[in-house]
Amino acid sequence: MTDISPNSWQWELPDEDATRALAVRVADALDDGLVFYLHGPLGAGKTSFARALLTALGVGERVKSPTYSLIEGYVAQGRPAWHLDLYRIADPAELEWLGLDALSDPAAIVLVEWPERGTGALPAADLEWQLAYAGEGRHATVRALTNRGQRLLSRLD
């Protein structure tokens, strides 16, 4: 973990186990609802991170990729948790029928892959994750956009 600015940190993730370990650290530090925007190319680890985080938060059922359903809902530590994959969305107006009002619950954990495809229809991000290829592994940069996001990052020290 490298602190690159007051609101941004980086991690090298050489394999999926490292991604899972980071997700467990985030889950342990999470004490409130939070909105995560997950950016990165196909295969960069967005779904792996989301799945590992939800599992670490106690979701006992199989955490499915929402690539085709667009949204999957869970209960994580007694609060609502939502995982969205907007890769197949061409226009944010397509999200209108999904009933995204539940995402604005301040207690909810919301993980959004491809959030740029839902601009204007999503709650604002607390944390913005950028996942990228780094040789055989991955590289993660996270930036806190709110006080809630900053509080979580400060707990990862």
Protein backbone atom coordinates (compact mmCIF):
# COMPACT_ATOMS: atom_id res chain seq x y z
CA MET A 1 0.00 0.00 0.00
CA THR A 2 1.32 3.41 -0.98
CA ASP A 3 -0.16 6.72 0.11
CA ILE A 4 0.09 8.87 -3.05
CA SER A 5 -1.87 11.88 -1.77
CA PRO A 6 -4.08 12.70 1.21
CA ASN A 7 -7.07 11.13 -0.55
CA SER A 8 -5.47 8.45 -2.78
CA TRP A 9 -3.73 5.15 -2.17
CA GLN A 10 -2.26 2.43 -4.41
CA TRP A 11 -1.78 -1.31 -4.07
CA GLU A 12 0.04 -3.85 -6.19
CA LEU A 13 -2.12 -6.96 -6.54
CA PRO A 14 0.08 -9.72 -7.98
CA ASP A 15 -2.72 -12.31 -7.99
CA GLU A 16 -6.35 -12.93 -7.07
CA ASP A 17 -5.35 -13.86 -3.50
CA ALA A 18 -3.92 -10.35 -3.07
CA THR A 19 -7.18 -8.88 -4.39
CA ARG A 20 -9.15 -10.98 -1.89
CA ALA A 21 -6.83 -9.93 0.95
CA LEU A 22 -7.35 -6.25 0.09
CA ALA A 23 -11.13 -6.77 -0.01
CA VAL A 24 -10.99 -8.38 3.46
CA ARG A 25 -9.06 -5.36 4.80
CA VAL A 26 -11.66 -3.03 3.29
CA ALA A 27 -14.50 -5.11 4.77
CA ASP A 28 -12.86 -5.02 8.21
CA ALA A 29 -12.53 -1.21 7.99
CA LEU A 30 -16.07 -0.62 6.72
CA ASP A 31 -18.38 0.66 9.44
CA ASP A 32 -21.02 2.42 7.37
CA GLY A 33 -22.69 2.28 4.01
CA LEU A 34 -20.46 3.29 1.13
CA VAL A 35 -20.67 3.71 -2.64
CA PHE A 36 -17.75 2.23 -4.59
CA TYR A 37 -17.21 3.08 -8.25
CA LEU A 38 -15.05 0.40 -9.88
CA HIS A 39 -13.25 1.46 -13.06
CA GLY A 40 -10.94 -0.54 -15.30
CA PRO A 41 -10.77 -2.55 -18.49
CA LEU A 42 -12.38 -5.96 -18.93
CA GLY A 43 -10.65 -8.54 -16.76
CA ALA A 44 -8.90 -6.00 -14.51
CA GLY A 45 -10.44 -7.43 -11.34
CA LYS A 46 -13.56 -5.34 -10.72
CA THR A 47 -15.86 -8.33 -10.25
CA SER A 48 -13.20 -10.25 -8.29
CA PHE A 49 -12.85 -7.35 -5.85
CA ALA A 50 -16.63 -6.88 -5.51
CA ARG A 51 -17.21 -10.61 -4.98
CA ALA A 52 -14.42 -10.82 -2.38
CA LEU A 53 -15.67 -7.73 -0.53
CA LEU A 54 -19.26 -8.99 -0.36
CA THR A 55 -18.08 -12.42 0.79
CA ALA A 56 -15.86 -10.81 3.46
CA LEU A 57 -18.90 -8.83 4.61
CA GLY A 58 -20.71 -12.07 5.33
CA VAL A 59 -22.81 -12.63 2.22
CA GLY A 60 -23.36 -16.36 2.56
CA GLU A 61 -24.87 -17.04 -0.82
CA ARG A 62 -23.00 -17.28 -4.10
CA VAL A 63 -22.04 -13.79 -5.26
CA LYS A 64 -22.94 -13.72 -8.95
CA SER A 65 -21.61 -11.38 -11.58
CA PRO A 66 -24.43 -8.99 -12.54
CA THR A 67 -23.23 -8.76 -16.14
CA TYR A 68 -26.58 -9.91 -17.55
CA SER A 69 -28.95 -9.04 -14.71
CA LEU A 70 -27.33 -5.57 -14.28
CA ILE A 71 -27.93 -5.62 -10.51
CA GLU A 72 -27.74 -8.20 -7.75
CA GLY A 73 -28.91 -7.52 -4.21
CA TYR A 74 -27.62 -9.05 -0.97
CA VAL A 75 -27.67 -8.54 2.76
CA ALA A 76 -24.21 -7.87 4.19
CA GLN A 77 -23.81 -7.53 7.95
CA GLY A 78 -27.51 -6.72 8.28
CA ARG A 79 -27.54 -3.94 5.68
CA PRO A 80 -28.47 -3.87 2.01
CA ALA A 81 -25.67 -4.45 -0.48
CA TRP A 82 -25.94 -3.92 -4.22
CA HIS A 83 -23.58 -5.00 -6.99
CA LEU A 84 -24.14 -3.43 -10.40
CA ASP A 85 -22.40 -4.10 -13.70
CA LEU A 86 -23.36 -1.47 -16.26
CA TYR A 87 -21.12 -2.71 -19.08
CA ARG A 88 -24.13 -3.50 -21.29
CA ILE A 89 -25.84 -0.12 -20.72
CA ALA A 90 -25.69 2.28 -23.67
CA ASP A 91 -27.60 5.14 -22.05
CA PRO A 92 -28.24 5.95 -18.35
CA ALA A 93 -31.97 6.27 -19.16
CA GLU A 94 -31.99 2.46 -19.53
CA LEU A 95 -31.53 2.24 -15.76
CA GLU A 96 -34.83 3.96 -15.01
CA TRP A 97 -36.79 0.69 -14.82
CA LEU A 98 -34.34 -0.90 -12.34
CA GLY A 99 -35.68 1.00 -9.31
CA LEU A 100 -32.34 2.40 -8.22
CA ASP A 101 -33.89 4.42 -5.37
CA ALA A 102 -32.73 1.73 -2.92
CA LEU A 103 -29.13 2.58 -3.78
CA SER A 104 -29.44 5.95 -2.03
CA ASP A 105 -29.95 4.33 1.40
CA PRO A 106 -27.00 5.70 3.44
CA ALA A 107 -26.59 2.30 5.13
CA ALA A 108 -26.27 0.48 1.79
CA ILE A 109 -23.07 -0.86 0.34
CA VAL A 110 -23.11 -0.16 -3.39
CA LEU A 111 -20.49 -1.52 -5.80
CA VAL A 112 -20.78 -0.26 -9.38
CA GLU A 113 -18.74 -1.61 -12.26
CA TRP A 114 -18.62 0.68 -15.31
CA PRO A 115 -20.22 3.60 -13.40
CA GLU A 116 -19.56 6.04 -16.24
CA ARG A 117 -22.39 4.30 -18.12
CA GLY A 118 -24.85 5.28 -15.40
CA THR A 119 -23.93 8.94 -15.03
CA GLY A 120 -26.79 10.88 -13.49
CA ALA A 121 -28.71 7.77 -12.43
CA LEU A 122 -26.39 6.62 -9.63
CA PRO A 123 -25.67 7.87 -6.14
CA ALA A 124 -22.39 9.79 -5.87
CA ALA A 125 -19.30 7.71 -5.14
CA ASP A 126 -17.55 7.74 -1.78
CA LEU A 127 -14.59 5.83 -3.19
CA GLU A 128 -13.41 5.59 -6.77
CA TRP A 129 -11.33 2.53 -7.60
CA GLN A 130 -9.18 2.25 -10.70
CA LEU A 131 -8.05 -1.30 -11.43
CA ALA A 132 -5.51 -1.92 -14.17
CA TYR A 133 -3.24 -4.62 -15.52
CA ALA A 134 0.30 -4.69 -14.12
CA GLY A 135 2.23 -7.44 -15.87
CA GLU A 136 0.70 -10.73 -14.77
CA GLY A 137 -1.06 -9.06 -11.84
CA ARG A 138 -3.13 -5.97 -11.21
CA HIS A 139 -2.69 -2.50 -9.80
CA ALA A 140 -5.36 -0.69 -7.76
CA THR A 141 -5.61 3.01 -7.07
CA VAL A 142 -8.36 4.28 -4.81
CA ARG A 143 -9.41 7.86 -4.29
CA ALA A 144 -11.71 9.09 -1.54
CA LEU A 145 -14.33 11.53 -2.80
CA THR A 146 -16.23 12.08 0.47
CA ASN A 147 -15.59 12.15 4.20
CA ARG A 148 -17.03 8.63 4.45
CA GLY A 149 -14.55 7.43 1.85
CA GLN A 150 -11.67 9.22 3.55
CA ARG A 151 -12.63 7.68 6.91
CA LEU A 152 -12.48 4.20 5.41
CA LEU A 153 -9.08 4.86 3.81
CA SER A 154 -7.70 6.15 7.10
CA ARG A 155 -8.71 2.85 8.76
CA LEU A 156 -6.68 0.86 6.24
CA ASP A 157 -3.41 2.24 7.65
